[in-house]
Amino acid sequence: MSTNPLSDAVEPDLQTVFDVLTNKQCRTVLRSLDSPMSAREIAATCRLPRSTVYRKLEQMVDAGLLDKVDSTRDATQYCLGFDEVVVSYESKGLDVSVNTEPRSASDQLSELWTDVRTDEPTVE
């Protein structure tokens, strides 16, 4: 599906992507992201409850449509994580590809390591 060599394990399925793209609130958020924004900023811009925004952001991250961005600020920021979504018909049925600009394996591993380190419990 993707040209990204490390994405096979996390490639979203057709239903996950369709669920996001057919949701009006998700489309509103996607249209508003012309630069990285925090959930609080997205909620204010889109005039949506913050709890709804957090839920929708996680759905869009799971679908491969948003990326979490490391920020120097305290809040996680989100940005578009795709260039195009392609739905194609193959002999086995419909298939979906969420295409992004290719990133180097080094960049991807660095991002993965940052995520792992962020999730580690702190020892005091």
C-alpha atoms as a PDB file:
ATOM      1  CA  MET A   1       0.000   0.000   0.000  1.00  0.00           C
ATOM      2  CA  SER A   2       2.626   2.552   1.017  1.00  0.00           C
ATOM      3  CA  THR A   3       6.140   3.077  -0.249  1.00  0.00           C
ATOM      4  CA  ASN A   4       7.219   3.584   3.349  1.00  0.00           C
ATOM      5  CA  PRO A   5       9.258   0.475   4.327  1.00  0.00           C
ATOM      6  CA  LEU A   6       8.333   0.713   8.010  1.00  0.00           C
ATOM      7  CA  SER A   7       4.615   1.364   7.636  1.00  0.00           C
ATOM      8  CA  ASP A   8       3.422  -2.160   6.825  1.00  0.00           C
ATOM      9  CA  ALA A   9       2.728  -2.946  10.471  1.00  0.00           C
ATOM     10  CA  VAL A  10       0.619   0.175  10.990  1.00  0.00           C
ATOM     11  CA  GLU A  11      -1.046   0.629   7.591  1.00  0.00           C
ATOM     12  CA  PRO A  12      -4.693   1.573   8.189  1.00  0.00           C
ATOM     13  CA  ASP A  13      -7.443  -0.594   6.793  1.00  0.00           C
ATOM     14  CA  LEU A  14     -10.107   0.547   4.373  1.00  0.00           C
ATOM     15  CA  GLN A  15     -12.867   0.835   6.977  1.00  0.00           C
ATOM     16  CA  THR A  16     -10.728   2.917   9.364  1.00  0.00           C
ATOM     17  CA  VAL A  17      -9.933   5.458   6.644  1.00  0.00           C
ATOM     18  CA  PHE A  18     -13.534   5.576   5.383  1.00  0.00           C
ATOM     19  CA  ASP A  19     -14.873   6.045   8.913  1.00  0.00           C
ATOM     20  CA  VAL A  20     -12.702   9.132   9.283  1.00  0.00           C
ATOM     21  CA  LEU A  21     -13.349  10.566   5.823  1.00  0.00           C
ATOM     22  CA  THR A  22     -17.114  10.155   6.115  1.00  0.00           C
ATOM     23  CA  ASN A  23     -17.242  11.893   9.496  1.00  0.00           C
ATOM     24  CA  LYS A  24     -18.143  15.588   9.198  1.00  0.00           C
ATOM     25  CA  GLN A  25     -16.194  16.590  12.329  1.00  0.00           C
ATOM     26  CA  CYS A  26     -13.055  14.813  11.095  1.00  0.00           C
ATOM     27  CA  ARG A  27     -13.302  16.546   7.727  1.00  0.00           C
ATOM     28  CA  THR A  28     -13.679  19.891   9.505  1.00  0.00           C
ATOM     29  CA  VAL A  29     -10.491  19.229  11.469  1.00  0.00           C
ATOM     30  CA  LEU A  30      -8.584  18.095   8.371  1.00  0.00           C
ATOM     31  CA  ARG A  31      -9.578  21.279   6.505  1.00  0.00           C
ATOM     32  CA  SER A  32      -8.423  23.462   9.402  1.00  0.00           C
ATOM     33  CA  LEU A  33      -4.890  22.069   9.615  1.00  0.00           C
ATOM     34  CA  ASP A  34      -2.818  24.330   7.409  1.00  0.00           C
ATOM     35  CA  SER A  35      -0.042  24.231  10.038  1.00  0.00           C
ATOM     36  CA  PRO A  36       0.617  22.141  13.168  1.00  0.00           C
ATOM     37  CA  MET A  37      -1.930  22.823  15.910  1.00  0.00           C
ATOM     38  CA  SER A  38      -2.653  21.562  19.409  1.00  0.00           C
ATOM     39  CA  ALA A  39      -5.962  19.904  20.308  1.00  0.00           C
ATOM     40  CA  ARG A  40      -6.955  23.067  22.172  1.00  0.00           C
ATOM     41  CA  GLU A  41      -6.273  25.214  19.096  1.00  0.00           C
ATOM     42  CA  ILE A  42      -8.160  22.787  16.861  1.00  0.00           C
ATOM     43  CA  ALA A  43     -11.156  22.786  19.225  1.00  0.00           C
ATOM     44  CA  ALA A  44     -11.265  26.584  19.191  1.00  0.00           C
ATOM     45  CA  THR A  45     -10.783  26.875  15.426  1.00  0.00           C
ATOM     46  CA  CYS A  46     -13.356  24.202  14.564  1.00  0.00           C
ATOM     47  CA  ARG A  47     -15.756  25.146  17.366  1.00  0.00           C
ATOM     48  CA  LEU A  48     -15.881  21.577  18.633  1.00  0.00           C
ATOM     49  CA  PRO A  49     -15.817  20.283  22.222  1.00  0.00           C
ATOM     50  CA  ARG A  50     -12.274  19.420  23.277  1.00  0.00           C
ATOM     51  CA  SER A  51     -13.305  15.875  24.271  1.00  0.00           C
ATOM     52  CA  THR A  52     -14.651  15.314  20.752  1.00  0.00           C
ATOM     53  CA  VAL A  53     -11.481  16.730  19.221  1.00  0.00           C
ATOM     54  CA  TYR A  54      -9.237  14.388  21.227  1.00  0.00           C
ATOM     55  CA  ARG A  55     -11.326  11.376  20.164  1.00  0.00           C
ATOM     56  CA  LYS A  56     -11.334  12.433  16.510  1.00  0.00           C
ATOM     57  CA  LEU A  57      -7.603  13.190  16.521  1.00  0.00           C
ATOM     58  CA  GLU A  58      -6.801   9.663  17.700  1.00  0.00           C
ATOM     59  CA  GLN A  59      -9.067   8.204  15.008  1.00  0.00           C
ATOM     60  CA  MET A  60      -7.296  10.281  12.355  1.00  0.00           C
ATOM     61  CA  VAL A  61      -3.848   9.290  13.654  1.00  0.00           C
ATOM     62  CA  ASP A  62      -4.923   5.615  13.559  1.00  0.00           C
ATOM     63  CA  ALA A  63      -6.122   6.100   9.978  1.00  0.00           C
ATOM     64  CA  GLY A  64      -2.749   7.541   8.965  1.00  0.00           C
ATOM     65  CA  LEU A  65      -4.234  10.920   8.126  1.00  0.00           C
ATOM     66  CA  LEU A  66      -2.626  12.912  10.947  1.00  0.00           C
ATOM     67  CA  ASP A  67       0.814  12.899  12.510  1.00  0.00           C
ATOM     68  CA  LYS A  68       1.670  13.873  16.053  1.00  0.00           C
ATOM     69  CA  VAL A  69       4.425  16.466  15.983  1.00  0.00           C
ATOM     70  CA  ASP A  70       7.057  16.907  18.639  1.00  0.00           C
ATOM     71  CA  SER A  71       6.757  20.380  20.010  1.00  0.00           C
ATOM     72  CA  THR A  72       8.800  22.565  22.279  1.00  0.00           C
ATOM     73  CA  ARG A  73       5.528  23.541  23.908  1.00  0.00           C
ATOM     74  CA  ASP A  74       3.800  21.345  26.470  1.00  0.00           C
ATOM     75  CA  ALA A  75       0.937  20.338  24.182  1.00  0.00           C
ATOM     76  CA  THR A  76       1.210  17.753  21.422  1.00  0.00           C
ATOM     77  CA  GLN A  77       0.607  19.228  18.020  1.00  0.00           C
ATOM     78  CA  TYR A  78      -1.016  17.563  15.031  1.00  0.00           C
ATOM     79  CA  CYS A  79      -0.441  18.048  11.324  1.00  0.00           C
ATOM     80  CA  LEU A  80      -1.670  16.442   8.130  1.00  0.00           C
ATOM     81  CA  GLY A  81       0.027  13.097   7.610  1.00  0.00           C
ATOM     82  CA  PHE A  82      -0.877  12.466   3.985  1.00  0.00           C
ATOM     83  CA  ASP A  83      -0.644  13.903   0.518  1.00  0.00           C
ATOM     84  CA  GLU A  84      -3.430  11.842  -0.986  1.00  0.00           C
ATOM     85  CA  VAL A  85      -5.851   9.030  -0.243  1.00  0.00           C
ATOM     86  CA  VAL A  86      -6.332   6.612  -3.127  1.00  0.00           C
ATOM     87  CA  VAL A  87      -9.140   4.069  -3.312  1.00  0.00           C
ATOM     88  CA  SER A  88      -8.670   1.413  -5.966  1.00  0.00           C
ATOM     89  CA  TYR A  89     -10.554  -1.646  -7.104  1.00  0.00           C
ATOM     90  CA  GLU A  90      -8.633  -4.889  -7.259  1.00  0.00           C
ATOM     91  CA  SER A  91      -9.780  -8.451  -7.879  1.00  0.00           C
ATOM     92  CA  LYS A  92     -10.176  -8.963  -4.111  1.00  0.00           C
ATOM     93  CA  GLY A  93     -12.246  -5.790  -3.714  1.00  0.00           C
ATOM     94  CA  LEU A  94     -11.565  -2.215  -2.712  1.00  0.00           C
ATOM     95  CA  ASP A  95      -8.160  -1.156  -1.429  1.00  0.00           C
ATOM     96  CA  VAL A  96      -7.052   2.120   0.128  1.00  0.00           C
ATOM     97  CA  SER A  97      -3.664   3.806   0.182  1.00  0.00           C
ATOM     98  CA  VAL A  98      -2.805   6.772   2.352  1.00  0.00           C
ATOM     99  CA  ASN A  99       0.167   8.237   0.520  1.00  0.00           C
ATOM    100  CA  THR A 100       2.709  10.515   2.105  1.00  0.00           C
ATOM    101  CA  GLU A 101       5.938  12.105   1.109  1.00  0.00           C
ATOM    102  CA  PRO A 102       8.621   9.453   1.501  1.00  0.00           C
ATOM    103  CA  ARG A 103      10.651   9.809   4.698  1.00  0.00           C
ATOM    104  CA  SER A 104      13.984   8.185   5.319  1.00  0.00           C
ATOM    105  CA  ALA A 105      14.163   5.114   7.533  1.00  0.00           C
ATOM    106  CA  SER A 106      16.386   7.137   9.872  1.00  0.00           C
ATOM    107  CA  ASP A 107      13.691   9.800  10.342  1.00  0.00           C
ATOM    108  CA  GLN A 108      11.055   7.152  10.952  1.00  0.00           C
ATOM    109  CA  LEU A 109      13.171   5.297  13.510  1.00  0.00           C
ATOM    110  CA  SER A 110      13.967   8.548  15.270  1.00  0.00           C
ATOM    111  CA  GLU A 111      10.264   9.366  15.519  1.00  0.00           C
ATOM    112  CA  LEU A 112       9.487   5.847  16.760  1.00  0.00           C
ATOM    113  CA  TRP A 113      12.220   6.091  19.391  1.00  0.00           C
ATOM    114  CA  THR A 114      10.879   9.460  20.551  1.00  0.00           C
ATOM    115  CA  ASP A 115       7.406   7.917  20.939  1.00  0.00           C
ATOM    116  CA  VAL A 116       8.803   4.968  22.908  1.00  0.00           C
ATOM    117  CA  ARG A 117      10.796   7.235  25.213  1.00  0.00           C
ATOM    118  CA  THR A 118       7.751   9.436  25.795  1.00  0.00           C
ATOM    119  CA  ASP A 119       5.706   6.404  26.887  1.00  0.00           C
ATOM    120  CA  GLU A 120       8.362   5.107  29.325  1.00  0.00           C
ATOM    121  CA  PRO A 121       7.468   5.450  33.005  1.00  0.00           C
ATOM    122  CA  THR A 122       9.725   7.751  34.944  1.00  0.00           C
ATOM    123  CA  VAL A 123      11.708   6.329  37.861  1.00  0.00           C
ATOM    124  CA  GLU A 124      12.137   8.636  40.809  1.00  0.00           C
END
